[in-house]
Amino acid sequence: SPKMAELAAELIVDDGPVPVAKDRMRRCTETARLALGSDKPGGPPKRLYEGVFTGDLLDLSGSAKFLDGYGHDVCTIPTEPFDLIVSADVLCYFGAMDDILQAFADKLAVGGDVIFTTETMSAGDYNWVRLPSLRYAHCPEYVARMAKEAGLSMVSQVAFTPRMEAGEKVLGTLHTFTKSE
């Protein structure tokens, strides 16, 4: 969403002693900023990202819009393949994974990785199912099959708790796949 992209842009551009966005609390600790290092002695930390964009998940190049106003260097989505695609707490809003994983695979460079999270359920026979929260749970085996069909090789799938909701743990999986060929 544009709001999430704005928050991400603030996080990565916040390289001074006070927040860049007026009346906002810091989104990055001094320790984290210093750990990034600097390109110049005594200068600001390196940026994590060169640009922030919003767009259609299935069209990572054609529909992407640059989020202006944060001093980023890259104003258009690069046309060359990506080395890394990361998607946290996004794919739980989609059911079928085949088109999404194919879009990711199509944009990845050979040797590139895609890392993402999904929600899951403790038991059941399902590929994906809509939960009462209106998000989707994805069976890790289903995700692995869809990734393989898209030309991705599994690196790992790790069960974890992405967050608490109404005092209960949300079950999730952290997926890492690579593009071998």
N, C-alpha and C. Protein backbone atom coordinates (compact mmCIF):
# COMPACT_ATOMS: atom_id res chain seq x y z
N SER A 1 0.84 -1.18 0.00
CA SER A 1 0.00 0.00 0.00
C SER A 1 0.88 1.24 0.00
N PRO A 2 0.40 2.34 -0.49
CA PRO A 2 1.19 3.57 -0.46
C PRO A 2 1.61 3.98 0.95
N LYS A 3 0.74 3.77 1.95
CA LYS A 3 1.09 4.15 3.33
C LYS A 3 2.24 3.30 3.85
N MET A 4 2.22 2.00 3.58
CA MET A 4 3.31 1.13 4.02
C MET A 4 4.61 1.51 3.32
N ALA A 5 4.53 1.85 2.04
CA ALA A 5 5.73 2.28 1.31
C ALA A 5 6.28 3.56 1.91
N GLU A 6 5.39 4.48 2.31
CA GLU A 6 5.83 5.72 2.94
C GLU A 6 6.55 5.44 4.25
N LEU A 7 6.01 4.53 5.05
CA LEU A 7 6.65 4.18 6.31
C LEU A 7 8.01 3.53 6.08
N ALA A 8 8.11 2.68 5.06
CA ALA A 8 9.39 2.05 4.73
C ALA A 8 10.38 3.09 4.27
N ALA A 9 9.93 4.05 3.47
CA ALA A 9 10.82 5.11 2.99
C ALA A 9 11.35 5.93 4.16
N GLU A 10 10.50 6.23 5.15
CA GLU A 10 10.95 6.97 6.32
C GLU A 10 12.01 6.18 7.08
N LEU A 11 11.81 4.90 7.21
CA LEU A 11 12.76 4.06 7.93
C LEU A 11 14.13 4.11 7.28
N ILE A 12 14.18 3.98 5.98
CA ILE A 12 15.47 3.85 5.33
C ILE A 12 16.14 5.17 5.04
N VAL A 13 15.42 6.27 5.07
CA VAL A 13 16.04 7.55 4.80
C VAL A 13 16.38 8.27 6.11
N ASP A 14 15.91 7.77 7.22
CA ASP A 14 16.08 8.39 8.52
C ASP A 14 17.52 8.24 8.98
N ASP A 15 18.40 9.14 8.50
CA ASP A 15 19.83 8.96 8.77
C ASP A 15 20.43 10.10 9.59
N GLY A 16 19.62 10.81 10.32
CA GLY A 16 20.14 11.89 11.15
C GLY A 16 19.76 11.72 12.60
N PRO A 17 20.13 12.69 13.43
CA PRO A 17 19.84 12.58 14.86
C PRO A 17 18.36 12.80 15.20
N VAL A 18 17.58 13.34 14.26
CA VAL A 18 16.15 13.53 14.49
C VAL A 18 15.39 12.90 13.34
N PRO A 19 14.12 12.54 13.55
CA PRO A 19 13.35 11.92 12.47
C PRO A 19 13.22 12.85 11.26
N VAL A 20 13.27 12.26 10.07
CA VAL A 20 13.10 13.02 8.84
C VAL A 20 11.66 13.51 8.74
N ALA A 21 10.71 12.64 9.06
CA ALA A 21 9.30 13.02 9.01
C ALA A 21 8.95 13.72 10.32
N LYS A 22 8.56 14.98 10.23
CA LYS A 22 8.23 15.77 11.41
C LYS A 22 7.11 15.11 12.22
N ASP A 23 7.21 15.20 13.52
CA ASP A 23 6.21 14.67 14.45
C ASP A 23 6.05 13.15 14.35
N ARG A 24 7.07 12.46 13.92
CA ARG A 24 7.04 10.99 13.88
C ARG A 24 8.14 10.46 14.79
N MET A 25 7.87 9.36 15.46
CA MET A 25 8.93 8.78 16.27
C MET A 25 9.93 8.10 15.33
N ARG A 26 11.14 7.94 15.81
CA ARG A 26 12.19 7.31 15.00
C ARG A 26 11.80 5.86 14.72
N ARG A 27 12.05 5.42 13.50
CA ARG A 27 11.75 4.04 13.12
C ARG A 27 13.02 3.20 13.08
N CYS A 28 14.13 3.81 13.41
CA CYS A 28 15.41 3.11 13.33
C CYS A 28 16.25 3.56 14.52
N THR A 29 16.77 2.64 15.30
CA THR A 29 17.58 3.02 16.44
C THR A 29 18.95 3.49 15.98
N GLU A 30 19.58 4.26 16.83
CA GLU A 30 20.94 4.75 16.53
C GLU A 30 21.88 3.58 16.30
N THR A 31 21.76 2.53 17.10
CA THR A 31 22.63 1.37 16.94
C THR A 31 22.44 0.72 15.57
N ALA A 32 21.17 0.57 15.16
CA ALA A 32 20.90 -0.03 13.85
C ALA A 32 21.45 0.85 12.73
N ARG A 33 21.28 2.16 12.85
CA ARG A 33 21.79 3.04 11.80
C ARG A 33 23.31 2.98 11.72
N LEU A 34 23.98 2.97 12.86
CA LEU A 34 25.44 2.92 12.86
C LEU A 34 25.95 1.58 12.35
N ALA A 35 25.22 0.51 12.58
CA ALA A 35 25.63 -0.82 12.12
C ALA A 35 25.66 -0.91 10.60
N LEU A 36 24.91 -0.05 9.93
CA LEU A 36 24.91 -0.05 8.46
C LEU A 36 26.22 0.46 7.89
N GLY A 37 26.99 1.20 8.70
CA GLY A 37 28.22 1.79 8.19
C GLY A 37 27.94 3.04 7.40
N SER A 38 28.98 3.61 6.80
CA SER A 38 28.84 4.83 6.03
C SER A 38 29.73 4.77 4.81
N ASP A 39 29.32 5.46 3.76
CA ASP A 39 30.15 5.56 2.56
C ASP A 39 31.27 6.57 2.74
N LYS A 40 31.08 7.53 3.68
CA LYS A 40 32.06 8.58 3.92
C LYS A 40 32.40 8.60 5.41
N PRO A 41 33.67 8.82 5.77
CA PRO A 41 34.01 8.91 7.20
C PRO A 41 33.17 9.97 7.89
N GLY A 42 32.51 9.57 8.96
CA GLY A 42 31.67 10.48 9.72
C GLY A 42 30.35 10.83 9.03
N GLY A 43 30.10 10.23 7.86
CA GLY A 43 28.89 10.52 7.10
C GLY A 43 27.71 9.70 7.57
N PRO A 44 26.57 9.90 6.92
CA PRO A 44 25.37 9.15 7.29
C PRO A 44 25.49 7.68 6.90
N PRO A 45 24.71 6.83 7.53
CA PRO A 45 24.74 5.40 7.19
C PRO A 45 24.32 5.15 5.75
N LYS A 46 24.80 4.03 5.21
CA LYS A 46 24.36 3.61 3.88
C LYS A 46 22.87 3.32 3.93
N ARG A 47 22.23 3.46 2.82
CA ARG A 47 20.81 3.14 2.74
C ARG A 47 20.61 1.65 2.54
N LEU A 48 19.52 1.15 3.06
CA LEU A 48 19.18 -0.24 2.82
C LEU A 48 18.62 -0.43 1.42
N TYR A 49 17.90 0.57 0.92
CA TYR A 49 17.25 0.50 -0.38
C TYR A 49 17.63 1.72 -1.20
N GLU A 50 17.63 1.57 -2.50
CA GLU A 50 17.91 2.70 -3.38
C GLU A 50 16.64 3.39 -3.85
N GLY A 51 15.48 2.73 -3.66
CA GLY A 51 14.21 3.31 -4.05
C GLY A 51 13.07 2.52 -3.44
N VAL A 52 11.92 3.17 -3.28
CA VAL A 52 10.71 2.53 -2.76
C VAL A 52 9.60 2.75 -3.77
N PHE A 53 8.87 1.67 -4.08
CA PHE A 53 7.84 1.71 -5.11
C PHE A 53 6.57 1.04 -4.62
N THR A 54 5.45 1.43 -5.20
CA THR A 54 4.19 0.72 -5.00
C THR A 54 3.74 0.23 -6.38
N GLY A 55 3.03 -0.89 -6.41
CA GLY A 55 2.58 -1.39 -7.69
C GLY A 55 1.86 -2.71 -7.56
N ASP A 56 1.51 -3.27 -8.71
CA ASP A 56 0.82 -4.54 -8.80
C ASP A 56 1.82 -5.67 -8.58
N LEU A 57 1.54 -6.53 -7.64
CA LEU A 57 2.44 -7.62 -7.30
C LEU A 57 2.73 -8.53 -8.48
N LEU A 58 1.77 -8.69 -9.38
CA LEU A 58 1.96 -9.58 -10.54
C LEU A 58 2.62 -8.87 -11.72
N ASP A 59 2.84 -7.57 -11.60
CA ASP A 59 3.49 -6.81 -12.67
C ASP A 59 4.53 -5.91 -12.01
N LEU A 60 5.64 -6.52 -11.60
CA LEU A 60 6.62 -5.80 -10.80
C LEU A 60 7.39 -4.74 -11.57
N SER A 61 7.17 -4.61 -12.86
CA SER A 61 7.88 -3.57 -13.59
C SER A 61 6.94 -2.55 -14.20
N GLY A 62 5.88 -3.00 -14.85
CA GLY A 62 5.03 -2.09 -15.60
C GLY A 62 4.19 -1.14 -14.77
N SER A 63 3.71 -1.56 -13.62
CA SER A 63 2.77 -0.74 -12.87
C SER A 63 3.40 0.00 -11.70
N ALA A 64 4.67 -0.24 -11.43
CA ALA A 64 5.29 0.31 -10.22
C ALA A 64 5.42 1.83 -10.29
N LYS A 65 5.07 2.47 -9.18
CA LYS A 65 5.16 3.92 -9.07
C LYS A 65 6.19 4.26 -8.00
N PHE A 66 7.11 5.17 -8.34
CA PHE A 66 8.15 5.62 -7.43
C PHE A 66 7.54 6.46 -6.32
N LEU A 67 7.95 6.22 -5.08
CA LEU A 67 7.51 7.03 -3.95
C LEU A 67 8.50 8.17 -3.79
N ASP A 68 8.12 9.34 -4.23
CA ASP A 68 9.01 10.50 -4.28
C ASP A 68 9.05 11.22 -2.94
N GLY A 69 10.09 12.03 -2.76
CA GLY A 69 10.17 12.89 -1.59
C GLY A 69 11.06 12.38 -0.48
N TYR A 70 11.80 11.30 -0.70
CA TYR A 70 12.65 10.75 0.35
C TYR A 70 14.12 10.68 -0.06
N GLY A 71 14.48 11.32 -1.18
CA GLY A 71 15.88 11.41 -1.57
C GLY A 71 16.49 10.14 -2.11
N HIS A 72 15.70 9.22 -2.60
CA HIS A 72 16.26 7.98 -3.14
C HIS A 72 16.87 8.21 -4.51
N ASP A 73 17.83 7.36 -4.86
CA ASP A 73 18.56 7.49 -6.12
C ASP A 73 17.86 6.83 -7.29
N VAL A 74 17.15 5.76 -7.06
CA VAL A 74 16.51 5.00 -8.14
C VAL A 74 15.05 5.41 -8.24
N CYS A 75 14.66 5.96 -9.38
CA CYS A 75 13.30 6.49 -9.56
C CYS A 75 12.44 5.61 -10.46
N THR A 76 13.02 4.60 -11.07
CA THR A 76 12.26 3.66 -11.90
C THR A 76 12.67 2.24 -11.52
N ILE A 77 11.75 1.33 -11.64
CA ILE A 77 12.05 -0.07 -11.34
C ILE A 77 13.12 -0.55 -12.32
N PRO A 78 14.19 -1.13 -11.82
CA PRO A 78 15.23 -1.63 -12.73
C PRO A 78 14.68 -2.69 -13.68
N THR A 79 15.17 -2.70 -14.90
CA THR A 79 14.71 -3.70 -15.87
C THR A 79 15.49 -5.00 -15.75
N GLU A 80 16.70 -4.94 -15.18
CA GLU A 80 17.47 -6.16 -15.02
C GLU A 80 16.88 -7.01 -13.89
N PRO A 81 17.12 -8.32 -13.94
CA PRO A 81 16.57 -9.21 -12.91
C PRO A 81 17.06 -8.83 -11.50
N PHE A 82 16.22 -9.12 -10.53
CA PHE A 82 16.52 -8.83 -9.13
C PHE A 82 17.35 -9.96 -8.52
N ASP A 83 18.23 -9.59 -7.59
CA ASP A 83 18.99 -10.58 -6.83
C ASP A 83 18.20 -11.08 -5.62
N LEU A 84 17.26 -10.27 -5.16
CA LEU A 84 16.51 -10.61 -3.96
C LEU A 84 15.13 -9.97 -4.02
N ILE A 85 14.12 -10.77 -3.69
CA ILE A 85 12.76 -10.28 -3.51
C ILE A 85 12.32 -10.69 -2.12
N VAL A 86 11.84 -9.75 -1.33
CA VAL A 86 11.38 -10.02 0.04
C VAL A 86 9.95 -9.53 0.17
N SER A 87 9.10 -10.37 0.75
CA SER A 87 7.70 -10.03 0.95
C SER A 87 7.26 -10.56 2.31
N ALA A 88 7.11 -9.68 3.26
CA ALA A 88 6.72 -10.09 4.61
C ALA A 88 5.29 -9.67 4.90
N ASP A 89 4.47 -10.61 5.33
CA ASP A 89 3.09 -10.36 5.74
C ASP A 89 2.27 -9.72 4.62
N VAL A 90 2.50 -10.16 3.39
CA VAL A 90 1.76 -9.67 2.23
C VAL A 90 0.97 -10.80 1.58
N LEU A 91 1.60 -11.94 1.39
CA LEU A 91 0.98 -13.02 0.62
C LEU A 91 -0.18 -13.69 1.35
N CYS A 92 -0.37 -13.37 2.62
CA CYS A 92 -1.53 -13.90 3.36
C CYS A 92 -2.83 -13.26 2.88
N TYR A 93 -2.72 -12.28 2.00
CA TYR A 93 -3.92 -11.64 1.44
C TYR A 93 -4.26 -12.19 0.05
N PHE A 94 -3.57 -13.23 -0.36
CA PHE A 94 -3.79 -13.88 -1.65
C PHE A 94 -4.06 -15.35 -1.41
N GLY A 95 -4.92 -15.94 -2.22
CA GLY A 95 -5.19 -17.37 -2.13
C GLY A 95 -4.18 -18.17 -2.93
N ALA A 96 -4.47 -18.41 -4.19
CA ALA A 96 -3.59 -19.22 -5.04
C ALA A 96 -2.23 -18.56 -5.17
N MET A 97 -1.16 -19.36 -5.13
CA MET A 97 0.20 -18.84 -5.17
C MET A 97 0.88 -19.01 -6.52
N ASP A 98 0.27 -19.73 -7.45
CA ASP A 98 0.97 -20.05 -8.70
C ASP A 98 1.38 -18.80 -9.48
N ASP A 99 0.47 -17.87 -9.72
CA ASP A 99 0.80 -16.67 -10.49
C ASP A 99 1.80 -15.78 -9.77
N ILE A 100 1.66 -15.67 -8.46
CA ILE A 100 2.57 -14.82 -7.68
C ILE A 100 3.99 -15.38 -7.72
N LEU A 101 4.14 -16.68 -7.47
CA LEU A 101 5.48 -17.26 -7.47
C LEU A 101 6.09 -17.26 -8.86
N GLN A 102 5.26 -17.39 -9.91
CA GLN A 102 5.78 -17.29 -11.27
C GLN A 102 6.27 -15.87 -11.56
N ALA A 103 5.52 -14.87 -11.09
CA ALA A 103 5.95 -13.47 -11.27
C ALA A 103 7.27 -13.22 -10.56
N PHE A 104 7.41 -13.74 -9.35
CA PHE A 104 8.68 -13.60 -8.62
C PHE A 104 9.81 -14.28 -9.39
N ALA A 105 9.58 -15.51 -9.83
CA ALA A 105 10.61 -16.26 -10.56
C ALA A 105 11.02 -15.54 -11.84
N ASP A 106 10.05 -14.96 -12.53
CA ASP A 106 10.33 -14.24 -13.78
C ASP A 106 11.22 -13.02 -13.55
N LYS A 107 11.12 -12.39 -12.38
CA LYS A 107 11.91 -11.19 -12.09
C LYS A 107 13.25 -11.50 -11.43
N LEU A 108 13.46 -12.73 -10.96
CA LEU A 108 14.70 -13.07 -10.27
C LEU A 108 15.83 -13.37 -11.24
N ALA A 109 17.03 -12.95 -10.88
CA ALA A 109 18.23 -13.35 -11.61
C ALA A 109 18.57 -14.79 -11.23
N VAL A 110 19.27 -15.48 -12.10
CA VAL A 110 19.76 -16.82 -11.75
C VAL A 110 20.64 -16.68 -10.51
N GLY A 111 20.38 -17.50 -9.50
CA GLY A 111 21.09 -17.40 -8.23
C GLY A 111 20.41 -16.46 -7.25
N GLY A 112 19.35 -15.77 -7.71
CA GLY A 112 18.62 -14.85 -6.85
C GLY A 112 17.69 -15.59 -5.91
N ASP A 113 17.35 -14.95 -4.82
CA ASP A 113 16.50 -15.55 -3.80
C ASP A 113 15.20 -14.78 -3.63
N VAL A 114 14.16 -15.51 -3.25
CA VAL A 114 12.90 -14.90 -2.85
C VAL A 114 12.60 -15.40 -1.44
N ILE A 115 12.31 -14.46 -0.56
CA ILE A 115 12.04 -14.76 0.85
C ILE A 115 10.68 -14.15 1.17
N PHE A 116 9.78 -14.96 1.72
CA PHE A 116 8.45 -14.44 2.03
C PHE A 116 7.82 -15.23 3.16
N THR A 117 6.77 -14.65 3.73
CA THR A 117 6.05 -15.31 4.80
C THR A 117 4.63 -15.63 4.36
N THR A 118 4.08 -16.67 4.94
CA THR A 118 2.67 -17.01 4.78
C THR A 118 2.12 -17.40 6.15
N GLU A 119 0.82 -17.34 6.27
CA GLU A 119 0.17 -17.90 7.46
C GLU A 119 -0.15 -19.35 7.15
N THR A 120 -0.33 -20.15 8.19
CA THR A 120 -0.64 -21.56 8.03
C THR A 120 -1.62 -21.99 9.12
N MET A 121 -1.98 -23.26 9.10
CA MET A 121 -2.86 -23.81 10.13
C MET A 121 -2.13 -24.98 10.79
N SER A 122 -2.54 -25.31 11.99
CA SER A 122 -1.86 -26.38 12.73
C SER A 122 -2.11 -27.75 12.12
N ALA A 123 -3.24 -27.94 11.47
CA ALA A 123 -3.56 -29.25 10.87
C ALA A 123 -4.60 -29.05 9.79
N GLY A 124 -4.73 -30.05 8.95
CA GLY A 124 -5.75 -29.99 7.92
C GLY A 124 -5.21 -30.39 6.56
N ASP A 125 -6.10 -30.75 5.69
CA ASP A 125 -5.76 -31.13 4.32
C ASP A 125 -6.20 -29.98 3.42
N TYR A 126 -5.26 -29.14 3.05
CA TYR A 126 -5.61 -27.95 2.29
C TYR A 126 -4.41 -27.48 1.48
N ASN A 127 -4.64 -26.73 0.42
CA ASN A 127 -3.59 -26.00 -0.29
C ASN A 127 -3.54 -24.59 0.27
N TRP A 128 -4.68 -23.93 0.19
CA TRP A 128 -4.85 -22.62 0.82
C TRP A 128 -6.31 -22.49 1.21
N VAL A 129 -6.54 -21.76 2.29
CA VAL A 129 -7.89 -21.62 2.81
C VAL A 129 -8.04 -20.22 3.40
N ARG A 130 -9.23 -19.64 3.22
CA ARG A 130 -9.52 -18.32 3.80
C ARG A 130 -9.88 -18.51 5.26
N LEU A 131 -9.22 -17.73 6.09
CA LEU A 131 -9.41 -17.81 7.54
C LEU A 131 -10.48 -16.82 8.01
N PRO A 132 -10.99 -16.98 9.23
CA PRO A 132 -11.96 -16.02 9.76
C PRO A 132 -11.42 -14.58 9.78
N SER A 133 -10.10 -14.43 9.81
CA SER A 133 -9.47 -13.10 9.79
C SER A 133 -9.54 -12.44 8.41
N LEU A 134 -10.07 -13.18 7.41
CA LEU A 134 -10.14 -12.77 6.01
C LEU A 134 -8.78 -12.80 5.32
N ARG A 135 -7.78 -13.39 5.98
CA ARG A 135 -6.49 -13.65 5.34
C ARG A 135 -6.49 -15.12 4.94
N TYR A 136 -5.45 -15.52 4.24
CA TYR A 136 -5.36 -16.90 3.77
C TYR A 136 -4.22 -17.64 4.46
N ALA A 137 -4.47 -18.90 4.77
CA ALA A 137 -3.43 -19.81 5.26
C ALA A 137 -2.98 -20.65 4.07
N HIS A 138 -1.67 -20.88 3.98
CA HIS A 138 -1.10 -21.68 2.88
C HIS A 138 -0.34 -22.86 3.46
N CYS A 139 -0.64 -24.04 2.98
CA CYS A 139 0.08 -25.24 3.38
C CYS A 139 1.51 -25.15 2.83
N PRO A 140 2.53 -25.35 3.65
CA PRO A 140 3.91 -25.25 3.17
C PRO A 140 4.22 -26.19 2.00
N GLU A 141 3.62 -27.39 2.00
CA GLU A 141 3.86 -28.32 0.89
C GLU A 141 3.28 -27.78 -0.42
N TYR A 142 2.11 -27.14 -0.33
CA TYR A 142 1.50 -26.50 -1.51
C TYR A 142 2.41 -25.39 -2.03
N VAL A 143 2.90 -24.55 -1.13
CA VAL A 143 3.78 -23.45 -1.54
C VAL A 143 5.03 -24.01 -2.21
N ALA A 144 5.60 -25.08 -1.66
CA ALA A 144 6.79 -25.70 -2.26
C ALA A 144 6.49 -26.22 -3.66
N ARG A 145 5.32 -26.84 -3.85
CA ARG A 145 4.95 -27.35 -5.19
C ARG A 145 4.80 -26.20 -6.19
N MET A 146 4.15 -25.12 -5.77
CA MET A 146 3.95 -23.98 -6.67
C MET A 146 5.29 -23.32 -7.01
N ALA A 147 6.17 -23.26 -6.04
CA ALA A 147 7.50 -22.68 -6.28
C ALA A 147 8.29 -23.54 -7.26
N LYS A 148 8.22 -24.84 -7.08
CA LYS A 148 8.93 -25.75 -8.00
C LYS A 148 8.39 -25.61 -9.41
N GLU A 149 7.06 -25.53 -9.56
CA GLU A 149 6.46 -25.34 -10.88
C GLU A 149 6.89 -24.02 -11.52
N ALA A 150 7.21 -23.03 -10.69
CA ALA A 150 7.66 -21.73 -11.19
C ALA A 150 9.16 -21.72 -11.49
N GLY A 151 9.83 -22.83 -11.21
CA GLY A 151 11.27 -22.91 -11.49
C GLY A 151 12.15 -22.50 -10.32
N LEU A 152 11.60 -22.53 -9.12
CA LEU A 152 12.36 -22.16 -7.93
C LEU A 152 12.71 -23.40 -7.12
N SER A 153 13.87 -23.37 -6.49
CA SER A 153 14.32 -24.48 -5.64
C SER A 153 14.23 -24.05 -4.18
N MET A 154 13.75 -24.97 -3.35
CA MET A 154 13.59 -24.65 -1.93
C MET A 154 14.94 -24.59 -1.23
N VAL A 155 15.12 -23.53 -0.45
CA VAL A 155 16.26 -23.41 0.44
C VAL A 155 15.82 -23.81 1.84
N SER A 156 14.68 -23.23 2.28
CA SER A 156 14.16 -23.59 3.61
C SER A 156 12.71 -23.15 3.74
N GLN A 157 12.03 -23.81 4.67
CA GLN A 157 10.71 -23.42 5.13
C GLN A 157 10.72 -23.61 6.64
N VAL A 158 10.52 -22.51 7.37
CA VAL A 158 10.64 -22.54 8.82
C VAL A 158 9.34 -22.06 9.45
N ALA A 159 8.77 -22.87 10.32
CA ALA A 159 7.58 -22.47 11.06
C ALA A 159 7.97 -21.38 12.07
N PHE A 160 7.12 -20.36 12.19
CA PHE A 160 7.39 -19.29 13.15
C PHE A 160 6.08 -18.58 13.49
N THR A 161 6.14 -17.68 14.43
CA THR A 161 4.99 -16.88 14.83
C THR A 161 5.20 -15.46 14.33
N PRO A 162 4.51 -15.05 13.27
CA PRO A 162 4.73 -13.70 12.75
C PRO A 162 4.20 -12.59 13.65
N ARG A 163 3.18 -12.91 14.46
CA ARG A 163 2.61 -11.90 15.34
C ARG A 163 1.60 -12.57 16.27
N MET A 164 1.14 -11.80 17.23
CA MET A 164 0.05 -12.21 18.11
C MET A 164 -1.21 -11.47 17.64
N GLU A 165 -2.34 -12.14 17.73
CA GLU A 165 -3.60 -11.51 17.34
C GLU A 165 -4.66 -11.91 18.37
N ALA A 166 -5.25 -10.93 19.02
CA ALA A 166 -6.25 -11.17 20.07
C ALA A 166 -5.70 -12.11 21.13
N GLY A 167 -4.42 -11.94 21.46
CA GLY A 167 -3.78 -12.75 22.49
C GLY A 167 -3.37 -14.14 22.05
N GLU A 168 -3.59 -14.50 20.81
CA GLU A 168 -3.25 -15.83 20.30
C GLU A 168 -2.11 -15.74 19.28
N LYS A 169 -1.27 -16.76 19.26
CA LYS A 169 -0.21 -16.82 18.26
C LYS A 169 -0.80 -17.07 16.88
N VAL A 170 -0.33 -16.32 15.90
CA VAL A 170 -0.66 -16.59 14.50
C VAL A 170 0.42 -17.54 13.99
N LEU A 171 0.00 -18.64 13.37
CA LEU A 171 0.96 -19.61 12.85
C LEU A 171 1.42 -19.16 11.47
N GLY A 172 2.72 -19.29 11.22
CA GLY A 172 3.25 -18.87 9.93
C GLY A 172 4.42 -19.71 9.48
N THR A 173 4.82 -19.47 8.24
CA THR A 173 5.99 -20.13 7.66
C THR A 173 6.82 -19.06 6.97
N LEU A 174 8.12 -19.10 7.22
CA LEU A 174 9.09 -18.26 6.52
C LEU A 174 9.69 -19.12 5.42
N HIS A 175 9.47 -18.72 4.17
CA HIS A 175 9.91 -19.48 3.01
C HIS A 175 11.12 -18.81 2.37
N THR A 176 12.10 -19.60 1.94
CA THR A 176 13.21 -19.11 1.13
C THR A 176 13.39 -20.05 -0.04
N PHE A 177 13.36 -19.48 -1.25
CA PHE A 177 13.57 -20.23 -2.47
C PHE A 177 14.63 -19.51 -3.31
N THR A 178 15.29 -20.24 -4.18
CA THR A 178 16.29 -19.68 -5.06
C THR A 178 16.02 -20.05 -6.50
N LYS A 179 16.50 -19.24 -7.42
CA LYS A 179 16.36 -19.54 -8.84
C LYS A 179 17.67 -20.13 -9.31
N SER A 180 17.65 -21.42 -9.61
CA SER A 180 18.85 -22.14 -10.01
C SER A 180 19.21 -21.95 -11.46
N GLU A 181 18.21 -21.88 -12.32
CA GLU A 181 18.48 -21.77 -13.76
C GLU A 181 17.69 -20.63 -14.35
